[in-house]
Amino acid sequence: MDVREEFEVAIKVFGLTDILYCPFDSFEVLSGTLPREVPLIIADSVGIHSKEAARKLLENGYTLIANLAGGIADWERDGLPMCRDVESMQGQCPCMIKSRIPKM
């Protein structure tokens, strides 16, 4: 489960199928709708929000939970499957990365 915000997902995504998207800003509302019978690996950009989301799920009785420490940054660094919108990448540092998707 990817808890990154929509603008972050617009830049790059895990190269996997069956990903649930639950933005951290909406997590409190959406978390009760998550399946309890399947293992969930919680991920974000670097592991901060995903750790908090995993903790909240455990507190609410979810047992098949894991946090992807290091998030998509370490996932990509380790050469694991990625999809990205290469044309949206601009700048030298992550603070300069901008999506082509306009804000609403």
Protein backbone atom coordinates (compact mmCIF):
# COMPACT_ATOMS: atom_id res chain seq x y z
CA MET A 1 0.00 0.00 0.00
CA ASP A 2 1.41 3.34 -1.11
CA VAL A 3 0.66 6.21 1.28
CA ARG A 4 2.37 8.91 -0.79
CA GLU A 5 0.36 11.91 -1.92
CA GLU A 6 -0.99 12.14 -5.47
CA PHE A 7 1.69 14.57 -6.66
CA GLU A 8 4.42 12.15 -5.49
CA VAL A 9 2.82 9.18 -7.25
CA ALA A 10 2.61 11.27 -10.44
CA ILE A 11 6.41 11.39 -10.55
CA LYS A 12 7.33 7.75 -10.01
CA VAL A 13 5.66 4.56 -8.88
CA PHE A 14 6.64 1.09 -7.78
CA GLY A 15 6.80 -1.18 -10.82
CA LEU A 16 4.34 -3.66 -9.31
CA THR A 17 0.73 -4.69 -9.80
CA ASP A 18 -2.00 -4.76 -7.16
CA ILE A 19 -0.93 -1.58 -5.37
CA LEU A 20 -3.44 0.08 -3.09
CA TYR A 21 -3.19 3.86 -2.92
CA CYS A 22 -4.16 5.54 0.33
CA PRO A 23 -2.64 9.03 0.58
CA PHE A 24 -1.40 9.78 4.07
CA ASP A 25 -3.54 12.94 4.22
CA SER A 26 -6.63 10.71 3.78
CA PHE A 27 -5.33 7.77 5.78
CA GLU A 28 -7.54 8.23 8.84
CA VAL A 29 -10.69 8.12 6.70
CA LEU A 30 -9.64 5.34 4.30
CA SER A 31 -7.77 3.02 6.66
CA GLY A 32 -10.93 1.30 7.89
CA THR A 33 -11.68 0.10 4.36
CA LEU A 34 -8.38 -1.76 3.93
CA PRO A 35 -8.45 -5.56 3.74
CA ARG A 36 -7.48 -7.38 6.92
CA GLU A 37 -7.02 -10.85 5.40
CA VAL A 38 -4.11 -10.05 3.06
CA PRO A 39 -0.59 -8.93 3.98
CA LEU A 40 -0.04 -5.19 3.50
CA ILE A 41 3.38 -3.67 2.95
CA ILE A 42 3.11 0.04 3.70
CA ALA A 43 5.38 2.32 1.66
CA ASP A 44 6.01 6.01 1.04
CA SER A 45 8.91 8.15 -0.18
CA VAL A 46 11.45 7.40 2.57
CA GLY A 47 9.60 5.45 5.27
CA ILE A 48 8.39 8.16 7.64
CA HIS A 49 4.67 8.30 6.87
CA SER A 50 4.52 4.58 6.15
CA LYS A 51 5.91 3.82 9.61
CA GLU A 52 3.19 5.97 11.19
CA ALA A 53 0.49 4.37 8.98
CA ALA A 54 1.69 0.85 9.89
CA ARG A 55 1.63 1.75 13.60
CA LYS A 56 -1.95 3.05 13.32
CA LEU A 57 -3.09 -0.09 11.50
CA LEU A 58 -1.52 -2.32 14.15
CA GLU A 59 -3.27 -0.28 16.86
CA ASN A 60 -6.55 -0.89 15.02
CA GLY A 61 -6.20 -4.67 14.97
CA TYR A 62 -4.47 -5.27 11.64
CA THR A 63 -1.90 -8.05 12.02
CA LEU A 64 -0.52 -8.67 8.52
CA ILE A 65 1.38 -5.36 8.30
CA ALA A 66 4.96 -4.47 7.36
CA ASN A 67 6.66 -1.11 6.77
CA LEU A 68 8.97 -0.69 3.77
CA ALA A 69 11.86 1.06 5.51
CA GLY A 70 13.52 3.54 3.17
CA GLY A 71 10.43 3.78 0.96
CA ILE A 72 10.53 4.18 -2.78
CA ALA A 73 13.92 5.94 -2.52
CA ASP A 74 15.67 2.77 -1.26
CA TRP A 75 13.51 0.59 -3.52
CA GLU A 76 14.80 2.47 -6.57
CA ARG A 77 18.38 2.61 -5.24
CA ASP A 78 18.34 -1.18 -4.90
CA GLY A 79 17.35 -1.54 -8.58
CA LEU A 80 13.85 -2.91 -7.94
CA PRO A 81 11.08 -2.42 -10.55
CA MET A 82 10.07 1.21 -11.13
CA CYS A 83 7.80 3.19 -13.40
CA ARG A 84 8.32 6.92 -13.74
CA ASP A 85 7.21 9.92 -15.73
CA VAL A 86 10.69 10.86 -16.97
CA GLU A 87 9.46 14.07 -18.62
CA SER A 88 8.18 15.35 -15.27
CA MET A 89 11.60 15.19 -13.63
CA GLN A 90 13.34 18.56 -13.38
CA GLY A 91 16.25 19.80 -11.33
CA GLN A 92 19.12 18.25 -9.43
CA CYS A 93 17.58 17.68 -6.04
CA PRO A 94 14.26 16.16 -4.90
CA CYS A 95 12.98 19.60 -3.89
CA MET A 96 13.11 20.54 -7.60
CA ILE A 97 11.11 17.54 -8.82
CA LYS A 98 7.85 18.73 -10.26
CA SER A 99 5.02 16.83 -11.87
CA ARG A 100 3.52 17.86 -15.19
CA ILE A 101 0.09 17.15 -13.72
CA PRO A 102 -1.49 20.54 -12.89
CA LYS A 103 -2.75 21.12 -9.37
CA MET A 104 -6.51 21.43 -9.08
